[in-house]
Amino acid sequence: MVKYFFSRWSILSQYGKVINISDKDYFYYSIEGKSYVSNLVESILDSTKLNIYSVPVLKEDKVIAILWASIEIEQLCKNLDLWTDCEAICNMIKFSVKRLKSSTFKEIYNYDIIKKSNNTII
């Protein structure tokens, strides 16, 4: 088990709402050093249906950050003007993200993203 020194993790949304993500599966899995792809979930902010993807960032085998993204699959389909059903696209994205290993993201540290922010993720 990965040791960390916090029991709650919150972020501030672009709308000014504080969101606690420490109870979310994607946070739990990534803090344990694992990549995660969610099923279709409801957004905390506006109830839209989306998928969450998260990957731990490691330094010397310790999780120092978590990268995550949410994708609104239905909107993505509309924007790309795809005739393919959204479930097929969702499965394709899930497959791609699951193939990523957290070690792939070790290089992020070399780009000074974390060094410049004094080991604080902004």
PDB file of N, CA and C in Angstrom:
ATOM      1  N   MET A   1       0.838  -1.184   0.000  1.00  0.00           N
ATOM      2  CA  MET A   1       0.000   0.000   0.000  1.00  0.00           C
ATOM      3  C   MET A   1       0.880   1.244   0.000  1.00  0.00           C
ATOM      4  N   VAL A   2       0.508   2.215  -0.780  1.00  0.00           N
ATOM      5  CA  VAL A   2       1.239   3.474  -0.853  1.00  0.00           C
ATOM      6  C   VAL A   2       0.874   4.319   0.358  1.00  0.00           C
ATOM      7  N   LYS A   3       1.868   4.898   1.001  1.00  0.00           N
ATOM      8  CA  LYS A   3       1.625   5.767   2.151  1.00  0.00           C
ATOM      9  C   LYS A   3       1.494   7.201   1.660  1.00  0.00           C
ATOM     10  N   TYR A   4       0.500   7.908   2.160  1.00  0.00           N
ATOM     11  CA  TYR A   4       0.349   9.316   1.835  1.00  0.00           C
ATOM     12  C   TYR A   4      -0.143  10.038   3.074  1.00  0.00           C
ATOM     13  N   PHE A   5       0.042  11.342   3.087  1.00  0.00           N
ATOM     14  CA  PHE A   5      -0.159  12.104   4.308  1.00  0.00           C
ATOM     15  C   PHE A   5      -1.389  12.998   4.254  1.00  0.00           C
ATOM     16  N   PHE A   6      -2.421  12.539   3.636  1.00  0.00           N
ATOM     17  CA  PHE A   6      -3.650  13.301   3.616  1.00  0.00           C
ATOM     18  C   PHE A   6      -4.819  12.337   3.599  1.00  0.00           C
ATOM     19  N   SER A   7      -5.921  12.774   4.147  1.00  0.00           N
ATOM     20  CA  SER A   7      -7.098  11.916   4.183  1.00  0.00           C
ATOM     21  C   SER A   7      -8.206  12.453   3.293  1.00  0.00           C
ATOM     22  N   ARG A   8      -8.003  13.640   2.779  1.00  0.00           N
ATOM     23  CA  ARG A   8      -9.021  14.255   1.935  1.00  0.00           C
ATOM     24  C   ARG A   8      -8.317  15.045   0.841  1.00  0.00           C
ATOM     25  N   TRP A   9      -8.871  15.000  -0.338  1.00  0.00           N
ATOM     26  CA  TRP A   9      -8.290  15.720  -1.466  1.00  0.00           C
ATOM     27  C   TRP A   9      -9.421  16.439  -2.164  1.00  0.00           C
ATOM     28  N   SER A  10      -9.300  17.738  -2.315  1.00  0.00           N
ATOM     29  CA  SER A  10     -10.345  18.524  -2.957  1.00  0.00           C
ATOM     30  C   SER A  10      -9.751  19.374  -4.055  1.00  0.00           C
ATOM     31  N   ILE A  11     -10.586  19.706  -5.022  1.00  0.00           N
ATOM     32  CA  ILE A  11     -10.178  20.607  -6.089  1.00  0.00           C
ATOM     33  C   ILE A  11     -11.227  21.696  -6.216  1.00  0.00           C
ATOM     34  N   LEU A  12     -10.825  22.805  -6.794  1.00  0.00           N
ATOM     35  CA  LEU A  12     -11.733  23.909  -7.036  1.00  0.00           C
ATOM     36  C   LEU A  12     -12.072  23.904  -8.513  1.00  0.00           C
ATOM     37  N   SER A  13     -13.346  23.809  -8.833  1.00  0.00           N
ATOM     38  CA  SER A  13     -13.759  23.755 -10.236  1.00  0.00           C
ATOM     39  C   SER A  13     -13.690  25.138 -10.866  1.00  0.00           C
ATOM     40  N   GLN A  14     -13.824  25.169 -12.176  1.00  0.00           N
ATOM     41  CA  GLN A  14     -13.820  26.445 -12.891  1.00  0.00           C
ATOM     42  C   GLN A  14     -15.025  27.299 -12.504  1.00  0.00           C
ATOM     43  N   TYR A  15     -16.025  26.694 -11.887  1.00  0.00           N
ATOM     44  CA  TYR A  15     -17.222  27.416 -11.461  1.00  0.00           C
ATOM     45  C   TYR A  15     -17.125  27.879 -10.006  1.00  0.00           C
ATOM     46  N   GLY A  16     -15.991  27.626  -9.361  1.00  0.00           N
ATOM     47  CA  GLY A  16     -15.789  28.043  -7.987  1.00  0.00           C
ATOM     48  C   GLY A  16     -16.318  27.065  -6.954  1.00  0.00           C
ATOM     49  N   LYS A  17     -16.719  25.886  -7.375  1.00  0.00           N
ATOM     50  CA  LYS A  17     -17.243  24.874  -6.457  1.00  0.00           C
ATOM     51  C   LYS A  17     -16.106  23.970  -5.991  1.00  0.00           C
ATOM     52  N   VAL A  18     -16.019  23.737  -4.677  1.00  0.00           N
ATOM     53  CA  VAL A  18     -15.019  22.830  -4.126  1.00  0.00           C
ATOM     54  C   VAL A  18     -15.566  21.408  -4.216  1.00  0.00           C
ATOM     55  N   ILE A  19     -14.747  20.516  -4.759  1.00  0.00           N
ATOM     56  CA  ILE A  19     -15.168  19.136  -4.968  1.00  0.00           C
ATOM     57  C   ILE A  19     -14.198  18.212  -4.253  1.00  0.00           C
ATOM     58  N   ASN A  20     -14.719  17.347  -3.397  1.00  0.00           N
ATOM     59  CA  ASN A  20     -13.902  16.350  -2.716  1.00  0.00           C
ATOM     60  C   ASN A  20     -13.827  15.118  -3.611  1.00  0.00           C
ATOM     61  N   ILE A  21     -12.620  14.756  -4.038  1.00  0.00           N
ATOM     62  CA  ILE A  21     -12.466  13.590  -4.912  1.00  0.00           C
ATOM     63  C   ILE A  21     -11.836  12.400  -4.198  1.00  0.00           C
ATOM     64  N   SER A  22     -11.577  12.526  -2.904  1.00  0.00           N
ATOM     65  CA  SER A  22     -10.888  11.442  -2.194  1.00  0.00           C
ATOM     66  C   SER A  22     -11.745  10.189  -2.052  1.00  0.00           C
ATOM     67  N   ASP A  23     -13.037  10.305  -2.280  1.00  0.00           N
ATOM     68  CA  ASP A  23     -13.897   9.123  -2.194  1.00  0.00           C
ATOM     69  C   ASP A  23     -14.181   8.506  -3.562  1.00  0.00           C
ATOM     70  N   LYS A  24     -13.545   9.008  -4.598  1.00  0.00           N
ATOM     71  CA  LYS A  24     -13.774   8.506  -5.958  1.00  0.00           C
ATOM     72  C   LYS A  24     -12.824   7.357  -6.276  1.00  0.00           C
ATOM     73  N   ASP A  25     -13.323   6.378  -7.012  1.00  0.00           N
ATOM     74  CA  ASP A  25     -12.509   5.215  -7.379  1.00  0.00           C
ATOM     75  C   ASP A  25     -11.237   5.610  -8.115  1.00  0.00           C
ATOM     76  N   TYR A  26     -11.350   6.568  -9.044  1.00  0.00           N
ATOM     77  CA  TYR A  26     -10.167   6.938  -9.824  1.00  0.00           C
ATOM     78  C   TYR A  26      -9.069   7.512  -8.946  1.00  0.00           C
ATOM     79  N   PHE A  27      -9.429   8.239  -7.895  1.00  0.00           N
ATOM     80  CA  PHE A  27      -8.431   8.776  -6.977  1.00  0.00           C
ATOM     81  C   PHE A  27      -7.792   7.639  -6.181  1.00  0.00           C
ATOM     82  N   TYR A  28      -8.623   6.760  -5.639  1.00  0.00           N
ATOM     83  CA  TYR A  28      -8.131   5.651  -4.822  1.00  0.00           C
ATOM     84  C   TYR A  28      -7.164   4.770  -5.610  1.00  0.00           C
ATOM     85  N   TYR A  29      -7.568   4.377  -6.822  1.00  0.00           N
ATOM     86  CA  TYR A  29      -6.710   3.502  -7.623  1.00  0.00           C
ATOM     87  C   TYR A  29      -5.391   4.182  -7.967  1.00  0.00           C
ATOM     88  N   SER A  30      -5.444   5.442  -8.372  1.00  0.00           N
ATOM     89  CA  SER A  30      -4.219   6.126  -8.790  1.00  0.00           C
ATOM     90  C   SER A  30      -3.297   6.429  -7.621  1.00  0.00           C
ATOM     91  N   ILE A  31      -3.848   6.726  -6.454  1.00  0.00           N
ATOM     92  CA  ILE A  31      -2.991   6.968  -5.291  1.00  0.00           C
ATOM     93  C   ILE A  31      -2.307   5.672  -4.873  1.00  0.00           C
ATOM     94  N   GLU A  32      -2.889   4.542  -5.256  1.00  0.00           N
ATOM     95  CA  GLU A  32      -2.279   3.239  -5.013  1.00  0.00           C
ATOM     96  C   GLU A  32      -1.308   2.854  -6.128  1.00  0.00           C
ATOM     97  N   GLY A  33      -1.131   3.746  -7.112  1.00  0.00           N
ATOM     98  CA  GLY A  33      -0.167   3.494  -8.176  1.00  0.00           C
ATOM     99  C   GLY A  33      -0.732   2.801  -9.402  1.00  0.00           C
ATOM    100  N   LYS A  34      -2.051   2.782  -9.553  1.00  0.00           N
ATOM    101  CA  LYS A  34      -2.680   2.087 -10.678  1.00  0.00           C
ATOM    102  C   LYS A  34      -3.416   3.069 -11.589  1.00  0.00           C
ATOM    103  N   SER A  35      -3.424   2.765 -12.881  1.00  0.00           N
ATOM    104  CA  SER A  35      -4.235   3.529 -13.827  1.00  0.00           C
ATOM    105  C   SER A  35      -5.691   3.117 -13.654  1.00  0.00           C
ATOM    106  N   TYR A  36      -6.608   4.016 -14.019  1.00  0.00           N
ATOM    107  CA  TYR A  36      -8.025   3.723 -13.831  1.00  0.00           C
ATOM    108  C   TYR A  36      -8.845   4.293 -14.975  1.00  0.00           C
ATOM    109  N   VAL A  37      -9.821   3.529 -15.411  1.00  0.00           N
ATOM    110  CA  VAL A  37     -10.786   3.976 -16.414  1.00  0.00           C
ATOM    111  C   VAL A  37     -12.169   3.691 -15.852  1.00  0.00           C
ATOM    112  N   SER A  38     -12.987   4.720 -15.732  1.00  0.00           N
ATOM    113  CA  SER A  38     -14.321   4.525 -15.156  1.00  0.00           C
ATOM    114  C   SER A  38     -15.320   4.066 -16.211  1.00  0.00           C
ATOM    115  N   ASN A  39     -16.415   3.543 -15.737  1.00  0.00           N
ATOM    116  CA  ASN A  39     -17.576   3.364 -16.590  1.00  0.00           C
ATOM    117  C   ASN A  39     -18.212   4.740 -16.752  1.00  0.00           C
ATOM    118  N   LEU A  40     -19.302   4.824 -17.444  1.00  0.00           N
ATOM    119  CA  LEU A  40     -20.010   6.086 -17.583  1.00  0.00           C
ATOM    120  C   LEU A  40     -20.513   6.514 -16.208  1.00  0.00           C
ATOM    121  N   VAL A  41     -20.135   7.725 -15.773  1.00  0.00           N
ATOM    122  CA  VAL A  41     -20.546   8.247 -14.473  1.00  0.00           C
ATOM    123  C   VAL A  41     -21.184   9.618 -14.658  1.00  0.00           C
ATOM    124  N   GLU A  42     -21.840  10.083 -13.612  1.00  0.00           N
ATOM    125  CA  GLU A  42     -22.480  11.391 -13.647  1.00  0.00           C
ATOM    126  C   GLU A  42     -21.536  12.431 -13.057  1.00  0.00           C
ATOM    127  N   SER A  43     -21.384  13.549 -13.746  1.00  0.00           N
ATOM    128  CA  SER A  43     -20.519  14.625 -13.276  1.00  0.00           C
ATOM    129  C   SER A  43     -21.049  15.203 -11.970  1.00  0.00           C
ATOM    130  N   ILE A  44     -20.144  15.500 -11.049  1.00  0.00           N
ATOM    131  CA  ILE A  44     -20.512  16.128  -9.782  1.00  0.00           C
ATOM    132  C   ILE A  44     -21.029  17.542 -10.026  1.00  0.00           C
ATOM    133  N   LEU A  45     -20.494  18.189 -11.042  1.00  0.00           N
ATOM    134  CA  LEU A  45     -20.819  19.586 -11.298  1.00  0.00           C
ATOM    135  C   LEU A  45     -22.165  19.805 -11.970  1.00  0.00           C
ATOM    136  N   ASP A  46     -22.416  19.055 -13.052  1.00  0.00           N
ATOM    137  CA  ASP A  46     -23.617  19.368 -13.830  1.00  0.00           C
ATOM    138  C   ASP A  46     -24.409  18.148 -14.295  1.00  0.00           C
ATOM    139  N   SER A  47     -24.125  16.995 -13.731  1.00  0.00           N
ATOM    140  CA  SER A  47     -24.851  15.749 -14.012  1.00  0.00           C
ATOM    141  C   SER A  47     -24.709  15.225 -15.438  1.00  0.00           C
ATOM    142  N   THR A  48     -23.765  15.742 -16.227  1.00  0.00           N
ATOM    143  CA  THR A  48     -23.548  15.177 -17.555  1.00  0.00           C
ATOM    144  C   THR A  48     -22.906  13.802 -17.400  1.00  0.00           C
ATOM    145  N   LYS A  49     -23.109  12.955 -18.382  1.00  0.00           N
ATOM    146  CA  LYS A  49     -22.531  11.617 -18.375  1.00  0.00           C
ATOM    147  C   LYS A  49     -21.133  11.686 -18.975  1.00  0.00           C
ATOM    148  N   LEU A  50     -20.148  11.132 -18.260  1.00  0.00           N
ATOM    149  CA  LEU A  50     -18.774  11.166 -18.742  1.00  0.00           C
ATOM    150  C   LEU A  50     -17.985   9.984 -18.225  1.00  0.00           C
ATOM    151  N   ASN A  51     -16.794   9.821 -18.777  1.00  0.00           N
ATOM    152  CA  ASN A  51     -15.851   8.809 -18.307  1.00  0.00           C
ATOM    153  C   ASN A  51     -14.663   9.523 -17.696  1.00  0.00           C
ATOM    154  N   ILE A  52     -14.102   8.940 -16.648  1.00  0.00           N
ATOM    155  CA  ILE A  52     -12.927   9.491 -15.975  1.00  0.00           C
ATOM    156  C   ILE A  52     -11.751   8.562 -16.241  1.00  0.00           C
ATOM    157  N   TYR A  53     -10.619   9.155 -16.571  1.00  0.00           N
ATOM    158  CA  TYR A  53      -9.381   8.416 -16.824  1.00  0.00           C
ATOM    159  C   TYR A  53      -8.324   9.001 -15.905  1.00  0.00           C
ATOM    160  N   SER A  54      -7.601   8.151 -15.175  1.00  0.00           N
ATOM    161  CA  SER A  54      -6.552   8.670 -14.296  1.00  0.00           C
ATOM    162  C   SER A  54      -5.330   7.766 -14.322  1.00  0.00           C
ATOM    163  N   VAL A  55      -4.175   8.412 -14.165  1.00  0.00           N
ATOM    164  CA  VAL A  55      -2.892   7.719 -14.191  1.00  0.00           C
ATOM    165  C   VAL A  55      -2.000   8.343 -13.124  1.00  0.00           C
ATOM    166  N   PRO A  56      -1.338   7.527 -12.295  1.00  0.00           N
ATOM    167  CA  PRO A  56      -0.419   8.089 -11.304  1.00  0.00           C
ATOM    168  C   PRO A  56       0.877   8.560 -11.958  1.00  0.00           C
ATOM    169  N   VAL A  57       1.450   9.615 -11.416  1.00  0.00           N
ATOM    170  CA  VAL A  57       2.772  10.086 -11.838  1.00  0.00           C
ATOM    171  C   VAL A  57       3.742   9.660 -10.744  1.00  0.00           C
ATOM    172  N   LEU A  58       4.775   8.920 -11.127  1.00  0.00           N
ATOM    173  CA  LEU A  58       5.710   8.363 -10.152  1.00  0.00           C
ATOM    174  C   LEU A  58       7.069   9.046 -10.204  1.00  0.00           C
ATOM    175  N   LYS A  59       7.680   9.159  -9.039  1.00  0.00           N
ATOM    176  CA  LYS A  59       9.075   9.580  -8.924  1.00  0.00           C
ATOM    177  C   LYS A  59       9.701   8.628  -7.925  1.00  0.00           C
ATOM    178  N   GLU A  60      10.708   7.896  -8.376  1.00  0.00           N
ATOM    179  CA  GLU A  60      11.368   6.907  -7.522  1.00  0.00           C
ATOM    180  C   GLU A  60      10.343   5.960  -6.890  1.00  0.00           C
ATOM    181  N   ASP A  61       9.437   5.486  -7.710  1.00  0.00           N
ATOM    182  CA  ASP A  61       8.393   4.533  -7.318  1.00  0.00           C
ATOM    183  C   ASP A  61       7.400   5.057  -6.286  1.00  0.00           C
ATOM    184  N   LYS A  62       7.315   6.366  -6.105  1.00  0.00           N
ATOM    185  CA  LYS A  62       6.324   6.959  -5.212  1.00  0.00           C
ATOM    186  C   LYS A  62       5.370   7.810  -6.043  1.00  0.00           C
ATOM    187  N   VAL A  63       4.097   7.757  -5.701  1.00  0.00           N
ATOM    188  CA  VAL A  63       3.105   8.578  -6.389  1.00  0.00           C
ATOM    189  C   VAL A  63       3.285  10.018  -5.926  1.00  0.00           C
ATOM    190  N   ILE A  64       3.593  10.911  -6.874  1.00  0.00           N
ATOM    191  CA  ILE A  64       3.765  12.322  -6.527  1.00  0.00           C
ATOM    192  C   ILE A  64       2.648  13.188  -7.095  1.00  0.00           C
ATOM    193  N   ALA A  65       1.856  12.623  -7.992  1.00  0.00           N
ATOM    194  CA  ALA A  65       0.741  13.364  -8.581  1.00  0.00           C
ATOM    195  C   ALA A  65      -0.184  12.377  -9.271  1.00  0.00           C
ATOM    196  N   ILE A  66      -1.355  12.855  -9.598  1.00  0.00           N
ATOM    197  CA  ILE A  66      -2.303  12.058 -10.372  1.00  0.00           C
ATOM    198  C   ILE A  66      -2.772  12.918 -11.537  1.00  0.00           C
ATOM    199  N   LEU A  67      -2.663  12.366 -12.731  1.00  0.00           N
ATOM    200  CA  LEU A  67      -3.211  13.032 -13.905  1.00  0.00           C
ATOM    201  C   LEU A  67      -4.557  12.399 -14.196  1.00  0.00           C
ATOM    202  N   TRP A  68      -5.567  13.206 -14.391  1.00  0.00           N
ATOM    203  CA  TRP A  68      -6.844  12.630 -14.768  1.00  0.00           C
ATOM    204  C   TRP A  68      -7.548  13.548 -15.751  1.00  0.00           C
ATOM    205  N   ALA A  69      -8.444  12.946 -16.472  1.00  0.00           N
ATOM    206  CA  ALA A  69      -9.234  13.688 -17.453  1.00  0.00           C
ATOM    207  C   ALA A  69     -10.630  13.098 -17.476  1.00  0.00           C
ATOM    208  N   SER A  70     -11.570  13.938 -17.815  1.00  0.00           N
ATOM    209  CA  SER A  70     -12.929  13.441 -18.019  1.00  0.00           C
ATOM    210  C   SER A  70     -13.315  13.734 -19.456  1.00  0.00           C
ATOM    211  N   ILE A  71     -13.998  12.787 -20.056  1.00  0.00           N
ATOM    212  CA  ILE A  71     -14.427  12.945 -21.439  1.00  0.00           C
ATOM    213  C   ILE A  71     -15.922  12.693 -21.503  1.00  0.00           C
ATOM    214  N   GLU A  72     -16.623  13.665 -22.055  1.00  0.00           N
ATOM    215  CA  GLU A  72     -18.052  13.529 -22.286  1.00  0.00           C
ATOM    216  C   GLU A  72     -18.215  12.825 -23.633  1.00  0.00           C
ATOM    217  N   ILE A  73     -18.378  11.522 -23.594  1.00  0.00           N
ATOM    218  CA  ILE A  73     -18.356  10.693 -24.795  1.00  0.00           C
ATOM    219  C   ILE A  73     -19.429  11.104 -25.800  1.00  0.00           C
ATOM    220  N   GLU A  74     -20.643  11.370 -25.344  1.00  0.00           N
ATOM    221  CA  GLU A  74     -21.708  11.747 -26.279  1.00  0.00           C
ATOM    222  C   GLU A  74     -21.362  13.035 -27.022  1.00  0.00           C
ATOM    223  N   GLN A  75     -20.797  14.011 -26.299  1.00  0.00           N
ATOM    224  CA  GLN A  75     -20.411  15.266 -26.950  1.00  0.00           C
ATOM    225  C   GLN A  75     -19.249  15.030 -27.906  1.00  0.00           C
ATOM    226  N   LEU A  76     -18.326  14.164 -27.533  1.00  0.00           N
ATOM    227  CA  LEU A  76     -17.209  13.829 -28.411  1.00  0.00           C
ATOM    228  C   LEU A  76     -17.728  13.244 -29.720  1.00  0.00           C
ATOM    229  N   CYS A  77     -18.688  12.347 -29.626  1.00  0.00           N
ATOM    230  CA  CYS A  77     -19.277  11.751 -30.837  1.00  0.00           C
ATOM    231  C   CYS A  77     -19.907  12.818 -31.722  1.00  0.00           C
ATOM    232  N   LYS A  78     -20.634  13.739 -31.106  1.00  0.00           N
ATOM    233  CA  LYS A  78     -21.278  14.811 -31.877  1.00  0.00           C
ATOM    234  C   LYS A  78     -20.234  15.704 -32.532  1.00  0.00           C
ATOM    235  N   ASN A  79     -19.201  16.072 -31.771  1.00  0.00           N
ATOM    236  CA  ASN A  79     -18.161  16.954 -32.308  1.00  0.00           C
ATOM    237  C   ASN A  79     -17.413  16.318 -33.466  1.00  0.00           C
ATOM    238  N   LEU A  80     -17.200  15.025 -33.382  1.00  0.00           N
ATOM    239  CA  LEU A  80     -16.489  14.321 -34.447  1.00  0.00           C
ATOM    240  C   LEU A  80     -17.421  13.885 -35.569  1.00  0.00           C
ATOM    241  N   ASP A  81     -18.711  14.120 -35.376  1.00  0.00           N
ATOM    242  CA  ASP A  81     -19.727  13.753 -36.361  1.00  0.00           C
ATOM    243  C   ASP A  81     -19.603  12.284 -36.738  1.00  0.00           C
ATOM    244  N   LEU A  82     -19.530  11.461 -35.723  1.00  0.00           N
ATOM    245  CA  LEU A  82     -19.345  10.028 -35.939  1.00  0.00           C
ATOM    246  C   LEU A  82     -20.674   9.299 -36.009  1.00  0.00           C
ATOM    247  N   TRP A  83     -20.719   8.326 -36.880  1.00  0.00           N
ATOM    248  CA  TRP A  83     -21.902   7.482 -36.975  1.00  0.00           C
ATOM    249  C   TRP A  83     -21.762   6.268 -36.062  1.00  0.00           C
ATOM    250  N   THR A  84     -20.570   6.036 -35.580  1.00  0.00           N
ATOM    251  CA  THR A  84     -20.314   4.916 -34.677  1.00  0.00           C
ATOM    252  C   THR A  84     -21.018   5.176 -33.353  1.00  0.00           C
ATOM    253  N   ASP A  85     -21.505   4.143 -32.718  1.00  0.00           N
ATOM    254  CA  ASP A  85     -22.163   4.372 -31.432  1.00  0.00           C
ATOM    255  C   ASP A  85     -21.135   4.738 -30.363  1.00  0.00           C
ATOM    256  N   CYS A  86     -21.603   5.475 -29.387  1.00  0.00           N
ATOM    257  CA  CYS A  86     -20.722   5.994 -28.337  1.00  0.00           C
ATOM    258  C   CYS A  86     -20.105   4.890 -27.491  1.00  0.00           C
ATOM    259  N   GLU A  87     -20.807   3.799 -27.325  1.00  0.00           N
ATOM    260  CA  GLU A  87     -20.267   2.698 -26.518  1.00  0.00           C
ATOM    261  C   GLU A  87     -19.000   2.131 -27.151  1.00  0.00           C
ATOM    262  N   ALA A  88     -18.986   2.026 -28.479  1.00  0.00           N
ATOM    263  CA  ALA A  88     -17.800   1.513 -29.169  1.00  0.00           C
ATOM    264  C   ALA A  88     -16.616   2.456 -28.980  1.00  0.00           C
ATOM    265  N   ILE A  89     -16.862   3.759 -29.055  1.00  0.00           N
ATOM    266  CA  ILE A  89     -15.792   4.744 -28.859  1.00  0.00           C
ATOM    267  C   ILE A  89     -15.297   4.693 -27.419  1.00  0.00           C
ATOM    268  N   CYS A  90     -16.220   4.597 -26.474  1.00  0.00           N
ATOM    269  CA  CYS A  90     -15.859   4.512 -25.060  1.00  0.00           C
ATOM    270  C   CYS A  90     -14.969   3.300 -24.814  1.00  0.00           C
ATOM    271  N   ASN A  91     -15.330   2.163 -25.378  1.00  0.00           N
ATOM    272  CA  ASN A  91     -14.525   0.948 -25.211  1.00  0.00           C
ATOM    273  C   ASN A  91     -13.147   1.092 -25.833  1.00  0.00           C
ATOM    274  N   MET A  92     -13.067   1.774 -26.969  1.00  0.00           N
ATOM    275  CA  MET A  92     -11.779   1.994 -27.621  1.00  0.00           C
ATOM    276  C   MET A  92     -10.871   2.860 -26.737  1.00  0.00           C
ATOM    277  N   ILE A  93     -11.436   3.923 -26.161  1.00  0.00           N
ATOM    278  CA  ILE A  93     -10.655   4.805 -25.285  1.00  0.00           C
ATOM    279  C   ILE A  93     -10.234   4.049 -24.030  1.00  0.00           C
ATOM    280  N   LYS A  94     -11.144   3.277 -23.449  1.00  0.00           N
ATOM    281  CA  LYS A  94     -10.802   2.489 -22.258  1.00  0.00           C
ATOM    282  C   LYS A  94      -9.640   1.545 -22.543  1.00  0.00           C
ATOM    283  N   PHE A  95      -9.698   0.873 -23.670  1.00  0.00           N
ATOM    284  CA  PHE A  95      -8.636  -0.057 -24.041  1.00  0.00           C
ATOM    285  C   PHE A  95      -7.303   0.677 -24.153  1.00  0.00           C
ATOM    286  N   SER A  96      -7.311   1.849 -24.776  1.00  0.00           N
ATOM    287  CA  SER A  96      -6.076   2.624 -24.956  1.00  0.00           C
ATOM    288  C   SER A  96      -5.498   3.069 -23.624  1.00  0.00           C
ATOM    289  N   VAL A  97      -6.348   3.569 -22.726  1.00  0.00           N
ATOM    290  CA  VAL A  97      -5.868   4.061 -21.434  1.00  0.00           C
ATOM    291  C   VAL A  97      -5.368   2.912 -20.571  1.00  0.00           C
ATOM    292  N   LYS A  98      -6.047   1.779 -20.597  1.00  0.00           N
ATOM    293  CA  LYS A  98      -5.615   0.639 -19.784  1.00  0.00           C
ATOM    294  C   LYS A  98      -4.244   0.133 -20.208  1.00  0.00           C
ATOM    295  N   ARG A  99      -3.885   0.347 -21.458  1.00  0.00           N
ATOM    296  CA  ARG A  99      -2.578  -0.096 -21.932  1.00  0.00           C
ATOM    297  C   ARG A  99      -1.457   0.786 -21.386  1.00  0.00           C
ATOM    298  N   LEU A 100      -1.791   1.991 -20.930  1.00  0.00           N
ATOM    299  CA  LEU A 100      -0.774   2.876 -20.363  1.00  0.00           C
ATOM    300  C   LEU A 100      -0.335   2.335 -19.015  1.00  0.00           C
ATOM    301  N   LYS A 101       0.913   2.441 -18.741  1.00  0.00           N
ATOM    302  CA  LYS A 101       1.428   2.057 -17.430  1.00  0.00           C
ATOM    303  C   LYS A 101       1.925   3.327 -16.760  1.00  0.00           C
ATOM    304  N   SER A 102       1.838   3.376 -15.454  1.00  0.00           N
ATOM    305  CA  SER A 102       2.251   4.585 -14.752  1.00  0.00           C
ATOM    306  C   SER A 102       3.708   4.923 -15.025  1.00  0.00           C
ATOM    307  N   SER A 103       4.531   3.929 -15.293  1.00  0.00           N
ATOM    308  CA  SER A 103       5.937   4.203 -15.578  1.00  0.00           C
ATOM    309  C   SER A 103       6.102   5.052 -16.834  1.00  0.00           C
ATOM    310  N   THR A 104       5.135   5.008 -17.735  1.00  0.00           N
ATOM    311  CA  THR A 104       5.172   5.830 -18.939  1.00  0.00           C
ATOM    312  C   THR A 104       5.215   7.306 -18.574  1.00  0.00           C
ATOM    313  N   PHE A 105       4.639   7.660 -17.442  1.00  0.00           N
ATOM    314  CA  PHE A 105       4.520   9.055 -17.071  1.00  0.00           C
ATOM    315  C   PHE A 105       5.668   9.563 -16.194  1.00  0.00           C
ATOM    316  N   LYS A 106       6.661   8.725 -15.955  1.00  0.00           N
ATOM    317  CA  LYS A 106       7.821   9.180 -15.188  1.00  0.00           C
ATOM    318  C   LYS A 106       8.510  10.342 -15.893  1.00  0.00           C
ATOM    319  N   GLU A 107       8.454  10.357 -17.217  1.00  0.00           N
ATOM    320  CA  GLU A 107       9.114  11.406 -17.990  1.00  0.00           C
ATOM    321  C   GLU A 107       8.515  12.783 -17.722  1.00  0.00           C
ATOM    322  N   ILE A 108       7.300  12.845 -17.229  1.00  0.00           N
ATOM    323  CA  ILE A 108       6.667  14.135 -16.967  1.00  0.00           C
ATOM    324  C   ILE A 108       7.533  14.964 -16.033  1.00  0.00           C
ATOM    325  N   TYR A 109       8.131  14.325 -15.063  1.00  0.00           N
ATOM    326  CA  TYR A 109       8.976  15.047 -14.111  1.00  0.00           C
ATOM    327  C   TYR A 109      10.137  15.733 -14.822  1.00  0.00           C
ATOM    328  N   ASN A 110      10.630  15.129 -15.876  1.00  0.00           N
ATOM    329  CA  ASN A 110      11.746  15.708 -16.617  1.00  0.00           C
ATOM    330  C   ASN A 110      11.379  16.998 -17.328  1.00  0.00           C
ATOM    331  N   TYR A 111      10.107  17.262 -17.511  1.00  0.00           N
ATOM    332  CA  TYR A 111       9.674  18.490 -18.169  1.00  0.00           C
ATOM    333  C   TYR A 111       9.507  19.641 -17.189  1.00  0.00           C
ATOM    334  N   ASP A 112       9.897  19.452 -15.944  1.00  0.00           N
ATOM    335  CA  ASP A 112       9.874  20.488 -14.914  1.00  0.00           C
ATOM    336  C   ASP A 112       8.479  20.951 -14.513  1.00  0.00           C
ATOM    337  N   ILE A 113       7.446  20.222 -14.873  1.00  0.00           N
ATOM    338  CA  ILE A 113       6.095  20.623 -14.488  1.00  0.00           C
ATOM    339  C   ILE A 113       5.978  20.660 -12.971  1.00  0.00           C
ATOM    340  N   ILE A 114       6.510  19.645 -12.321  1.00  0.00           N
ATOM    341  CA  ILE A 114       6.382  19.551 -10.877  1.00  0.00           C
ATOM    342  C   ILE A 114       7.513  20.297 -10.182  1.00  0.00           C
ATOM    343  N   LYS A 115       8.726  20.243 -10.732  1.00  0.00           N
ATOM    344  CA  LYS A 115       9.854  20.945 -10.118  1.00  0.00           C
ATOM    345  C   LYS A 115       9.575  22.441 -10.018  1.00  0.00           C
ATOM    346  N   LYS A 116       9.061  23.040 -11.096  1.00  0.00           N
ATOM    347  CA  LYS A 116       8.825  24.484 -11.111  1.00  0.00           C
ATOM    348  C   LYS A 116       7.739  24.898 -10.131  1.00  0.00           C
ATOM    349  N   SER A 117       6.817  24.010  -9.854  1.00  0.00           N
ATOM    350  CA  SER A 117       5.736  24.353  -8.938  1.00  0.00           C
ATOM    351  C   SER A 117       6.089  23.982  -7.498  1.00  0.00           C
ATOM    352  N   ASN A 118       7.372  23.680  -7.253  1.00  0.00           N
ATOM    353  CA  ASN A 118       7.844  23.361  -5.906  1.00  0.00           C
ATOM    354  C   ASN A 118       7.151  22.121  -5.355  1.00  0.00           C
ATOM    355  N   ASN A 119       6.989  21.112  -6.237  1.00  0.00           N
ATOM    356  CA  ASN A 119       6.319  19.856  -5.899  1.00  0.00           C
ATOM    357  C   ASN A 119       4.859  20.037  -5.509  1.00  0.00           C
ATOM    358  N   THR A 120       4.260  21.133  -5.937  1.00  0.00           N
ATOM    359  CA  THR A 120       2.846  21.364  -5.697  1.00  0.00           C
ATOM    360  C   THR A 120       2.132  21.351  -7.031  1.00  0.00           C
ATOM    361  N   ILE A 121       1.116  20.555  -7.147  1.00  0.00           N
ATOM    362  CA  ILE A 121       0.337  20.517  -8.375  1.00  0.00           C
ATOM    363  C   ILE A 121      -0.680  21.642  -8.328  1.00  0.00           C
ATOM    364  N   ILE A 122      -0.660  22.473  -9.327  1.00  0.00           N
ATOM    365  CA  ILE A 122      -1.547  23.646  -9.361  1.00  0.00           C
ATOM    366  C   ILE A 122      -2.800  23.306 -10.128  1.00  0.00           C
TER     367      ILE A 122
END
